[in-house]
Amino acid sequence: MADLKEPGFKTSDVLSALAAVFEKMPDKEKQAQIKKTNGIFQLNVKNSEGKEAVWVIDLKKDGTVTKGPAKKPDVSISLSDDTFIGLADGKVNAQKAFMTGSLKVKGNVMLATKLDGVLKGAKAKL
């Protein structure tokens, strides 16, 4: 597994845990998750210092999490480090974050709504 850690980003801890869940997931279960989600999410995350880091959650082919931009993401989601952590913890409502502008989406908006389920499903396996 590639190093997903990025200093100064709490998001990297969550995504490292997500990657570990995908790695341990039985193949059949992973394929079911890929079939259900069928998309590549690119997360553009900005921390409190104004630095940006990019991660990709591939639930179209591999069921992996990588650092760096995707060649062809189905959806790009731009948000702050704190907003992502809130989403992952279930303390922030994704629709509300979108409506208030703290979460921006480019591409397949309906796919973006599936990210919440992916994070919750992975959190349940931690």
Protein backbone atom coordinates (compact mmCIF):
# COMPACT_ATOMS: atom_id res chain seq x y z
CA MET A 1 0.00 0.00 0.00
CA ALA A 2 1.32 3.40 -0.95
CA ASP A 3 1.81 5.93 1.81
CA LEU A 4 -1.37 7.96 2.10
CA LYS A 5 -0.21 10.09 5.01
CA GLU A 6 0.09 13.81 4.45
CA PRO A 7 1.48 15.93 7.31
CA GLY A 8 -1.00 18.53 8.54
CA PHE A 9 -4.05 16.67 7.18
CA LYS A 10 -6.37 14.74 9.50
CA THR A 11 -8.03 13.41 6.34
CA SER A 12 -4.98 11.26 5.61
CA ASP A 13 -5.56 9.21 8.79
CA VAL A 14 -9.17 8.47 7.81
CA LEU A 15 -8.20 7.55 4.25
CA SER A 16 -5.35 5.32 5.46
CA ALA A 17 -7.89 3.49 7.63
CA LEU A 18 -10.28 3.26 4.65
CA ALA A 19 -7.49 1.80 2.49
CA ALA A 20 -6.75 -0.78 5.21
CA VAL A 21 -10.44 -1.76 5.30
CA PHE A 22 -10.43 -2.23 1.50
CA GLU A 23 -7.24 -4.32 1.71
CA LYS A 24 -8.67 -6.66 4.36
CA MET A 25 -12.08 -6.90 2.71
CA PRO A 26 -12.84 -10.30 1.19
CA ASP A 27 -12.75 -10.14 -2.61
CA LYS A 28 -16.44 -10.93 -2.98
CA GLU A 29 -17.40 -8.11 -0.60
CA LYS A 30 -15.05 -5.68 -2.33
CA GLN A 31 -16.52 -6.52 -5.74
CA ALA A 32 -20.02 -5.95 -4.33
CA GLN A 33 -18.93 -2.53 -3.00
CA ILE A 34 -17.38 -1.67 -6.39
CA LYS A 35 -20.54 -2.78 -8.22
CA LYS A 36 -22.76 -0.79 -5.84
CA THR A 37 -20.67 2.40 -5.99
CA ASN A 38 -19.18 2.21 -9.50
CA GLY A 39 -17.13 5.39 -9.43
CA ILE A 40 -13.85 7.16 -8.90
CA PHE A 41 -13.86 9.92 -6.29
CA GLN A 42 -11.15 12.57 -6.27
CA LEU A 43 -10.93 14.43 -2.98
CA ASN A 44 -9.28 17.86 -3.10
CA VAL A 45 -8.73 18.69 0.55
CA LYS A 46 -7.45 22.01 1.89
CA ASN A 47 -6.10 22.25 5.42
CA SER A 48 -6.15 25.21 7.83
CA GLU A 49 -2.77 26.39 6.52
CA GLY A 50 -4.18 26.66 2.99
CA LYS A 51 -2.22 23.67 1.66
CA GLU A 52 -4.04 21.28 -0.65
CA ALA A 53 -3.67 17.52 -0.91
CA VAL A 54 -5.42 15.16 -3.30
CA TRP A 55 -6.57 11.58 -2.75
CA VAL A 56 -8.50 9.19 -4.97
CA ILE A 57 -10.94 6.52 -3.87
CA ASP A 58 -11.33 4.06 -6.75
CA LEU A 59 -14.51 2.08 -6.43
CA LYS A 60 -14.83 1.44 -10.14
CA LYS A 61 -11.98 -1.02 -10.79
CA ASP A 62 -9.69 -1.78 -7.86
CA GLY A 63 -11.26 -0.76 -4.57
CA THR A 64 -8.22 1.28 -3.56
CA VAL A 65 -7.27 4.62 -2.05
CA THR A 66 -4.29 6.48 -3.54
CA LYS A 67 -2.63 9.84 -3.10
CA GLY A 68 -2.43 12.24 -6.05
CA PRO A 69 -4.93 13.21 -8.75
CA ALA A 70 -6.88 10.68 -10.81
CA LYS A 71 -6.57 10.49 -14.59
CA LYS A 72 -10.36 10.51 -15.06
CA PRO A 73 -12.33 10.91 -11.85
CA ASP A 74 -16.10 10.51 -12.12
CA VAL A 75 -16.50 13.15 -9.45
CA SER A 76 -14.16 15.69 -7.84
CA ILE A 77 -15.04 16.87 -4.36
CA SER A 78 -13.34 19.94 -2.92
CA LEU A 79 -13.61 20.53 0.81
CA SER A 80 -11.65 21.50 3.90
CA ASP A 81 -9.83 19.01 6.11
CA ASP A 82 -12.27 19.76 8.95
CA THR A 83 -15.33 19.29 6.71
CA PHE A 84 -14.04 15.88 5.58
CA ILE A 85 -13.41 14.79 9.16
CA GLY A 86 -16.94 15.92 10.06
CA LEU A 87 -18.37 13.88 7.18
CA ALA A 88 -16.33 10.81 8.16
CA ASP A 89 -17.47 11.13 11.80
CA GLY A 90 -21.09 11.65 10.76
CA LYS A 91 -21.16 15.08 12.43
CA VAL A 92 -21.50 17.00 9.16
CA ASN A 93 -24.40 16.53 6.75
CA ALA A 94 -23.04 16.30 3.19
CA GLN A 95 -26.08 17.98 1.63
CA LYS A 96 -25.90 20.86 4.09
CA ALA A 97 -22.14 21.22 3.46
CA PHE A 98 -22.85 21.31 -0.28
CA MET A 99 -25.65 23.87 0.11
CA THR A 100 -23.51 26.15 2.28
CA GLY A 101 -20.53 25.92 -0.09
CA SER A 102 -18.14 24.12 2.27
CA LEU A 103 -18.23 21.14 -0.11
CA LYS A 104 -17.96 21.65 -3.87
CA VAL A 105 -18.65 18.97 -6.46
CA LYS A 106 -17.54 18.72 -10.09
CA GLY A 107 -18.80 15.88 -12.23
CA ASN A 108 -21.35 13.26 -11.24
CA VAL A 109 -23.21 14.82 -8.31
CA MET A 110 -25.30 11.68 -7.72
CA LEU A 111 -22.09 9.66 -7.32
CA ALA A 112 -20.89 12.16 -4.73
CA THR A 113 -23.88 11.23 -2.59
CA LYS A 114 -22.55 7.64 -2.38
CA LEU A 115 -19.32 8.73 -0.64
CA ASP A 116 -21.20 9.08 2.65
CA GLY A 117 -22.23 5.41 2.50
CA VAL A 118 -18.69 4.32 1.62
CA LEU A 119 -17.26 6.18 4.65
CA LYS A 120 -19.96 4.88 7.00
CA GLY A 121 -19.55 1.30 5.73
CA ALA A 122 -15.79 1.44 6.25
CA LYS A 123 -16.12 3.02 9.68
CA ALA A 124 -18.34 0.13 10.75
CA LYS A 125 -15.48 -2.29 9.88
CA LEU A 126 -12.80 -0.46 11.88
